[in-house]
Amino acid sequence: MPAAADRSGPPAPTPAQTLGPFFGHALPFPDGARIAPDGHPDTLTVHGHVRDGAGAPVADALLEFWQPGPDGRPPREPGSLHRDGTRFTGFGRVPTDADGHYALHTLSPAAPPGRPDAAPHLAVIVHARGLLHHLFTRVYFPEHTAAHAADPLLSTLPPQRAATLLARPDGPARYRFDVQLQQPPNDTPEETVFLAFH
């Protein structure tokens, strides 16, 4: 018969429960940052940093990007999630590096057909250590400013909050889009707007 546990001393601390990341081995895949076909002349780069509420880089985040093509339509070819270097895939999955930096190579999205009120954008899902649930956000581009006023999301946000969803030009065919997971203590920069889907 096993002996009873000795309870005469102070209780041992409860072990901490690990909360991710659980995606470090299974989800990343080769060329996940390449949505555009290799060598496409209209390829643009979207890059930036993921930072926590203290402003520190999040070195093991994983960002997923979903988007329509330049014609406004999502890819529908079988196997479009696989990289063969010749097709626009409409989907990317990009890890951050030790500095919390990511880079994505894609084509400019267009508004979906029949949706003149929707400004072209990239849909983004953020997975990161310590998040109980992944976060949803969007990347809008400055070239479509005229469409921003009618967009169902951007038009409802105060300008300072809407600015957290806008990529900034950062060189030829390059845009900077940072993800701020929480509001920093000094109130700048703003926490990125995240979306709830019901």
C-alpha atoms as a PDB file:
ATOM      1  CA  MET A   1       0.000   0.000   0.000  1.00  0.00           C
ATOM      2  CA  PRO A   2       1.512   3.365  -0.951  1.00  0.00           C
ATOM      3  CA  ALA A   3       2.468   5.668   1.900  1.00  0.00           C
ATOM      4  CA  ALA A   4       0.430   8.810   2.535  1.00  0.00           C
ATOM      5  CA  ALA A   5       1.956  12.055   1.267  1.00  0.00           C
ATOM      6  CA  ASP A   6       3.790  14.112   3.903  1.00  0.00           C
ATOM      7  CA  ARG A   7       1.621  17.218   4.432  1.00  0.00           C
ATOM      8  CA  SER A   8       3.539  18.644   7.389  1.00  0.00           C
ATOM      9  CA  GLY A   9       5.374  21.291   5.310  1.00  0.00           C
ATOM     10  CA  PRO A  10       4.053  24.061   3.076  1.00  0.00           C
ATOM     11  CA  PRO A  11       2.271  22.851  -0.062  1.00  0.00           C
ATOM     12  CA  ALA A  12       4.290  22.682  -3.242  1.00  0.00           C
ATOM     13  CA  PRO A  13       3.409  25.283  -5.890  1.00  0.00           C
ATOM     14  CA  THR A  14       1.057  24.174  -8.618  1.00  0.00           C
ATOM     15  CA  PRO A  15       2.988  23.653 -11.861  1.00  0.00           C
ATOM     16  CA  ALA A  16       2.475  26.369 -14.451  1.00  0.00           C
ATOM     17  CA  GLN A  17       0.371  25.464 -17.438  1.00  0.00           C
ATOM     18  CA  THR A  18       2.114  26.030 -20.733  1.00  0.00           C
ATOM     19  CA  LEU A  19       0.090  28.149 -23.128  1.00  0.00           C
ATOM     20  CA  GLY A  20       1.621  27.750 -26.555  1.00  0.00           C
ATOM     21  CA  PRO A  21       3.043  28.212 -28.959  1.00  0.00           C
ATOM     22  CA  PHE A  22       2.014  24.798 -30.194  1.00  0.00           C
ATOM     23  CA  PHE A  23       2.432  25.658 -33.873  1.00  0.00           C
ATOM     24  CA  GLY A  24       6.199  25.834 -34.147  1.00  0.00           C
ATOM     25  CA  HIS A  25       6.673  22.495 -35.900  1.00  0.00           C
ATOM     26  CA  ALA A  26       3.457  21.602 -37.676  1.00  0.00           C
ATOM     27  CA  LEU A  27       2.129  24.788 -39.221  1.00  0.00           C
ATOM     28  CA  PRO A  28       5.025  26.620 -40.926  1.00  0.00           C
ATOM     29  CA  PHE A  29       5.778  25.395 -44.408  1.00  0.00           C
ATOM     30  CA  PRO A  30       8.404  26.203 -47.048  1.00  0.00           C
ATOM     31  CA  ASP A  31       7.795  29.436 -48.970  1.00  0.00           C
ATOM     32  CA  GLY A  32       4.804  30.308 -46.784  1.00  0.00           C
ATOM     33  CA  ALA A  33       5.690  33.975 -47.264  1.00  0.00           C
ATOM     34  CA  ARG A  34       5.321  33.740 -51.060  1.00  0.00           C
ATOM     35  CA  ILE A  35       1.771  34.310 -52.256  1.00  0.00           C
ATOM     36  CA  ALA A  36       2.826  35.826 -55.588  1.00  0.00           C
ATOM     37  CA  PRO A  37       4.250  33.653 -58.373  1.00  0.00           C
ATOM     38  CA  ASP A  38       8.050  33.685 -58.587  1.00  0.00           C
ATOM     39  CA  GLY A  39       9.342  36.663 -60.546  1.00  0.00           C
ATOM     40  CA  HIS A  40       5.932  38.297 -61.016  1.00  0.00           C
ATOM     41  CA  PRO A  41       6.563  41.954 -62.002  1.00  0.00           C
ATOM     42  CA  ASP A  42       3.796  43.271 -59.710  1.00  0.00           C
ATOM     43  CA  THR A  43       4.992  41.538 -56.553  1.00  0.00           C
ATOM     44  CA  LEU A  44       4.898  43.742 -53.479  1.00  0.00           C
ATOM     45  CA  THR A  45       6.345  43.149 -50.029  1.00  0.00           C
ATOM     46  CA  VAL A  46       4.402  43.686 -46.804  1.00  0.00           C
ATOM     47  CA  HIS A  47       6.619  43.556 -43.739  1.00  0.00           C
ATOM     48  CA  GLY A  48       6.678  44.721 -40.152  1.00  0.00           C
ATOM     49  CA  HIS A  49       7.037  43.735 -36.524  1.00  0.00           C
ATOM     50  CA  VAL A  50       4.757  42.085 -34.002  1.00  0.00           C
ATOM     51  CA  ARG A  51       5.117  43.680 -30.560  1.00  0.00           C
ATOM     52  CA  ASP A  52       3.567  43.028 -27.165  1.00  0.00           C
ATOM     53  CA  GLY A  53       2.095  45.524 -24.713  1.00  0.00           C
ATOM     54  CA  ALA A  54       5.537  46.479 -23.405  1.00  0.00           C
ATOM     55  CA  GLY A  55       6.791  47.165 -26.931  1.00  0.00           C
ATOM     56  CA  ALA A  56       8.981  44.043 -26.938  1.00  0.00           C
ATOM     57  CA  PRO A  57       9.193  41.988 -30.144  1.00  0.00           C
ATOM     58  CA  VAL A  58       7.193  38.756 -30.245  1.00  0.00           C
ATOM     59  CA  ALA A  59       9.747  36.347 -31.640  1.00  0.00           C
ATOM     60  CA  ASP A  60       7.542  33.297 -32.129  1.00  0.00           C
ATOM     61  CA  ALA A  61       4.321  34.683 -33.574  1.00  0.00           C
ATOM     62  CA  LEU A  62       2.756  33.200 -36.679  1.00  0.00           C
ATOM     63  CA  LEU A  63       0.758  35.332 -39.112  1.00  0.00           C
ATOM     64  CA  GLU A  64      -1.657  33.976 -41.690  1.00  0.00           C
ATOM     65  CA  PHE A  65      -2.700  36.125 -44.648  1.00  0.00           C
ATOM     66  CA  TRP A  66      -5.758  35.515 -46.827  1.00  0.00           C
ATOM     67  CA  GLN A  67      -6.627  37.638 -49.826  1.00  0.00           C
ATOM     68  CA  PRO A  68      -8.282  37.831 -53.223  1.00  0.00           C
ATOM     69  CA  GLY A  69      -6.173  38.357 -56.296  1.00  0.00           C
ATOM     70  CA  PRO A  70      -5.810  41.509 -58.393  1.00  0.00           C
ATOM     71  CA  ASP A  71      -9.155  40.593 -60.024  1.00  0.00           C
ATOM     72  CA  GLY A  72     -10.922  40.537 -56.640  1.00  0.00           C
ATOM     73  CA  ARG A  73     -11.506  36.800 -56.730  1.00  0.00           C
ATOM     74  CA  PRO A  74      -9.946  34.244 -54.363  1.00  0.00           C
ATOM     75  CA  PRO A  75      -7.970  31.430 -55.976  1.00  0.00           C
ATOM     76  CA  ARG A  76     -10.099  28.355 -56.573  1.00  0.00           C
ATOM     77  CA  GLU A  77      -7.592  25.968 -58.119  1.00  0.00           C
ATOM     78  CA  PRO A  78      -7.080  22.687 -56.258  1.00  0.00           C
ATOM     79  CA  GLY A  79      -3.842  22.744 -54.325  1.00  0.00           C
ATOM     80  CA  SER A  80      -3.596  26.534 -54.291  1.00  0.00           C
ATOM     81  CA  LEU A  81      -2.193  26.397 -50.760  1.00  0.00           C
ATOM     82  CA  HIS A  82       0.858  24.544 -52.051  1.00  0.00           C
ATOM     83  CA  ARG A  83       3.766  26.479 -53.498  1.00  0.00           C
ATOM     84  CA  ASP A  84       4.805  25.565 -57.016  1.00  0.00           C
ATOM     85  CA  GLY A  85       6.170  29.027 -57.887  1.00  0.00           C
ATOM     86  CA  THR A  86       3.799  29.562 -60.811  1.00  0.00           C
ATOM     87  CA  ARG A  87       0.415  30.328 -59.225  1.00  0.00           C
ATOM     88  CA  PHE A  88      -1.020  33.076 -57.064  1.00  0.00           C
ATOM     89  CA  THR A  89      -2.102  31.202 -53.939  1.00  0.00           C
ATOM     90  CA  GLY A  90      -4.087  33.814 -51.987  1.00  0.00           C
ATOM     91  CA  PHE A  91      -2.765  32.400 -48.704  1.00  0.00           C
ATOM     92  CA  GLY A  92       0.442  32.897 -46.756  1.00  0.00           C
ATOM     93  CA  ARG A  93       1.706  31.731 -43.376  1.00  0.00           C
ATOM     94  CA  VAL A  94       4.696  33.639 -42.011  1.00  0.00           C
ATOM     95  CA  PRO A  95       6.565  33.240 -38.696  1.00  0.00           C
ATOM     96  CA  THR A  96       8.289  36.157 -37.022  1.00  0.00           C
ATOM     97  CA  ASP A  97      12.052  36.057 -36.481  1.00  0.00           C
ATOM     98  CA  ALA A  98      14.020  36.765 -33.290  1.00  0.00           C
ATOM     99  CA  ASP A  99      13.312  40.501 -33.723  1.00  0.00           C
ATOM    100  CA  GLY A 100       9.575  39.949 -34.162  1.00  0.00           C
ATOM    101  CA  HIS A 101       9.880  40.759 -37.883  1.00  0.00           C
ATOM    102  CA  TYR A 102       7.964  39.147 -40.734  1.00  0.00           C
ATOM    103  CA  ALA A 103       7.860  39.686 -44.506  1.00  0.00           C
ATOM    104  CA  LEU A 104       5.246  38.628 -47.058  1.00  0.00           C
ATOM    105  CA  HIS A 105       5.514  38.715 -50.878  1.00  0.00           C
ATOM    106  CA  THR A 106       2.193  39.039 -52.636  1.00  0.00           C
ATOM    107  CA  LEU A 107       0.117  40.844 -55.256  1.00  0.00           C
ATOM    108  CA  SER A 108      -2.127  43.823 -54.602  1.00  0.00           C
ATOM    109  CA  PRO A 109      -5.673  42.723 -53.728  1.00  0.00           C
ATOM    110  CA  ALA A 110      -8.793  44.130 -55.369  1.00  0.00           C
ATOM    111  CA  ALA A 111     -12.271  44.566 -53.946  1.00  0.00           C
ATOM    112  CA  PRO A 112     -14.542  41.548 -54.407  1.00  0.00           C
ATOM    113  CA  PRO A 113     -16.835  41.775 -57.444  1.00  0.00           C
ATOM    114  CA  GLY A 114     -20.191  43.302 -56.526  1.00  0.00           C
ATOM    115  CA  ARG A 115     -18.809  44.904 -53.355  1.00  0.00           C
ATOM    116  CA  PRO A 116     -18.000  48.517 -54.287  1.00  0.00           C
ATOM    117  CA  ASP A 117     -18.204  49.495 -50.610  1.00  0.00           C
ATOM    118  CA  ALA A 118     -15.354  47.168 -49.558  1.00  0.00           C
ATOM    119  CA  ALA A 119     -11.844  48.576 -49.774  1.00  0.00           C
ATOM    120  CA  PRO A 120      -9.208  46.061 -50.946  1.00  0.00           C
ATOM    121  CA  HIS A 121      -7.367  44.500 -48.019  1.00  0.00           C
ATOM    122  CA  LEU A 122      -5.503  41.478 -46.693  1.00  0.00           C
ATOM    123  CA  ALA A 123      -7.164  39.467 -43.928  1.00  0.00           C
ATOM    124  CA  VAL A 124      -4.701  38.582 -41.148  1.00  0.00           C
ATOM    125  CA  ILE A 125      -4.836  36.003 -38.367  1.00  0.00           C
ATOM    126  CA  VAL A 126      -2.269  36.376 -35.559  1.00  0.00           C
ATOM    127  CA  HIS A 127      -1.179  33.407 -33.456  1.00  0.00           C
ATOM    128  CA  ALA A 128       1.208  34.164 -30.591  1.00  0.00           C
ATOM    129  CA  ARG A 129       2.411  32.874 -27.244  1.00  0.00           C
ATOM    130  CA  GLY A 130      -0.011  33.671 -24.437  1.00  0.00           C
ATOM    131  CA  LEU A 131      -3.060  34.208 -26.635  1.00  0.00           C
ATOM    132  CA  LEU A 132      -5.977  32.000 -25.664  1.00  0.00           C
ATOM    133  CA  HIS A 133      -7.490  32.642 -29.087  1.00  0.00           C
ATOM    134  CA  HIS A 134      -5.961  33.863 -32.308  1.00  0.00           C
ATOM    135  CA  LEU A 135      -6.626  37.453 -33.345  1.00  0.00           C
ATOM    136  CA  PHE A 136      -8.140  38.771 -36.571  1.00  0.00           C
ATOM    137  CA  THR A 137      -7.164  42.041 -38.229  1.00  0.00           C
ATOM    138  CA  ARG A 138      -6.748  43.544 -41.700  1.00  0.00           C
ATOM    139  CA  VAL A 139      -4.179  45.376 -43.822  1.00  0.00           C
ATOM    140  CA  TYR A 140      -5.459  48.197 -46.033  1.00  0.00           C
ATOM    141  CA  PHE A 141      -3.317  50.051 -48.590  1.00  0.00           C
ATOM    142  CA  PRO A 142      -2.914  53.816 -49.142  1.00  0.00           C
ATOM    143  CA  GLU A 143      -3.612  53.554 -52.883  1.00  0.00           C
ATOM    144  CA  HIS A 144      -7.262  52.867 -52.124  1.00  0.00           C
ATOM    145  CA  THR A 145      -7.929  55.905 -49.926  1.00  0.00           C
ATOM    146  CA  ALA A 146     -11.058  56.833 -51.877  1.00  0.00           C
ATOM    147  CA  ALA A 147     -12.597  53.450 -51.021  1.00  0.00           C
ATOM    148  CA  HIS A 148     -11.712  53.731 -47.328  1.00  0.00           C
ATOM    149  CA  ALA A 149     -14.530  56.204 -46.611  1.00  0.00           C
ATOM    150  CA  ALA A 150     -17.158  53.696 -47.738  1.00  0.00           C
ATOM    151  CA  ASP A 151     -15.565  50.568 -46.281  1.00  0.00           C
ATOM    152  CA  PRO A 152     -17.904  48.975 -43.697  1.00  0.00           C
ATOM    153  CA  LEU A 153     -15.082  48.632 -41.167  1.00  0.00           C
ATOM    154  CA  LEU A 154     -12.833  51.659 -41.727  1.00  0.00           C
ATOM    155  CA  SER A 155     -15.749  54.079 -41.960  1.00  0.00           C
ATOM    156  CA  THR A 156     -16.893  53.164 -38.424  1.00  0.00           C
ATOM    157  CA  LEU A 157     -13.524  53.729 -36.729  1.00  0.00           C
ATOM    158  CA  PRO A 158     -12.056  56.985 -35.390  1.00  0.00           C
ATOM    159  CA  PRO A 159      -9.167  58.104 -37.653  1.00  0.00           C
ATOM    160  CA  GLN A 160      -6.500  57.258 -35.066  1.00  0.00           C
ATOM    161  CA  ARG A 161      -7.827  53.701 -34.699  1.00  0.00           C
ATOM    162  CA  ALA A 162      -8.336  53.234 -38.448  1.00  0.00           C
ATOM    163  CA  ALA A 163      -4.687  54.217 -38.960  1.00  0.00           C
ATOM    164  CA  THR A 164      -3.603  51.000 -37.194  1.00  0.00           C
ATOM    165  CA  LEU A 165      -5.019  49.052 -40.161  1.00  0.00           C
ATOM    166  CA  LEU A 166      -3.216  51.046 -42.861  1.00  0.00           C
ATOM    167  CA  ALA A 167       0.069  49.875 -44.363  1.00  0.00           C
ATOM    168  CA  ARG A 168       2.644  52.630 -44.888  1.00  0.00           C
ATOM    169  CA  PRO A 169       4.761  52.939 -48.030  1.00  0.00           C
ATOM    170  CA  ASP A 170       8.314  51.833 -47.251  1.00  0.00           C
ATOM    171  CA  GLY A 171      10.119  51.958 -50.587  1.00  0.00           C
ATOM    172  CA  PRO A 172       9.268  50.811 -54.099  1.00  0.00           C
ATOM    173  CA  ALA A 173       6.637  48.053 -53.930  1.00  0.00           C
ATOM    174  CA  ARG A 174       7.182  47.806 -50.142  1.00  0.00           C
ATOM    175  CA  TYR A 175       4.779  48.470 -47.292  1.00  0.00           C
ATOM    176  CA  ARG A 176       5.222  48.498 -43.533  1.00  0.00           C
ATOM    177  CA  PHE A 177       2.496  47.041 -41.322  1.00  0.00           C
ATOM    178  CA  ASP A 178       3.220  46.530 -37.628  1.00  0.00           C
ATOM    179  CA  VAL A 179       0.992  44.544 -35.283  1.00  0.00           C
ATOM    180  CA  GLN A 180       0.712  45.941 -31.748  1.00  0.00           C
ATOM    181  CA  LEU A 181      -0.920  43.240 -29.585  1.00  0.00           C
ATOM    182  CA  GLN A 182      -1.777  45.508 -26.641  1.00  0.00           C
ATOM    183  CA  GLN A 183      -1.820  49.191 -25.832  1.00  0.00           C
ATOM    184  CA  PRO A 184       1.655  50.205 -24.609  1.00  0.00           C
ATOM    185  CA  PRO A 185       1.894  52.187 -21.346  1.00  0.00           C
ATOM    186  CA  ASN A 186       2.999  55.376 -23.127  1.00  0.00           C
ATOM    187  CA  ASP A 187      -0.116  55.330 -25.368  1.00  0.00           C
ATOM    188  CA  THR A 188       1.937  55.249 -28.579  1.00  0.00           C
ATOM    189  CA  PRO A 189       1.727  53.438 -30.885  1.00  0.00           C
ATOM    190  CA  GLU A 190      -1.946  52.497 -30.803  1.00  0.00           C
ATOM    191  CA  GLU A 191      -2.955  48.909 -30.248  1.00  0.00           C
ATOM    192  CA  THR A 192      -3.913  47.350 -33.572  1.00  0.00           C
ATOM    193  CA  VAL A 193      -7.653  47.081 -34.191  1.00  0.00           C
ATOM    194  CA  PHE A 194      -8.702  43.442 -33.865  1.00  0.00           C
ATOM    195  CA  LEU A 195     -12.012  42.039 -35.087  1.00  0.00           C
ATOM    196  CA  ALA A 196     -14.596  39.756 -33.506  1.00  0.00           C
ATOM    197  CA  PHE A 197     -16.597  37.433 -35.741  1.00  0.00           C
ATOM    198  CA  HIS A 198     -19.896  36.020 -34.506  1.00  0.00           C
END
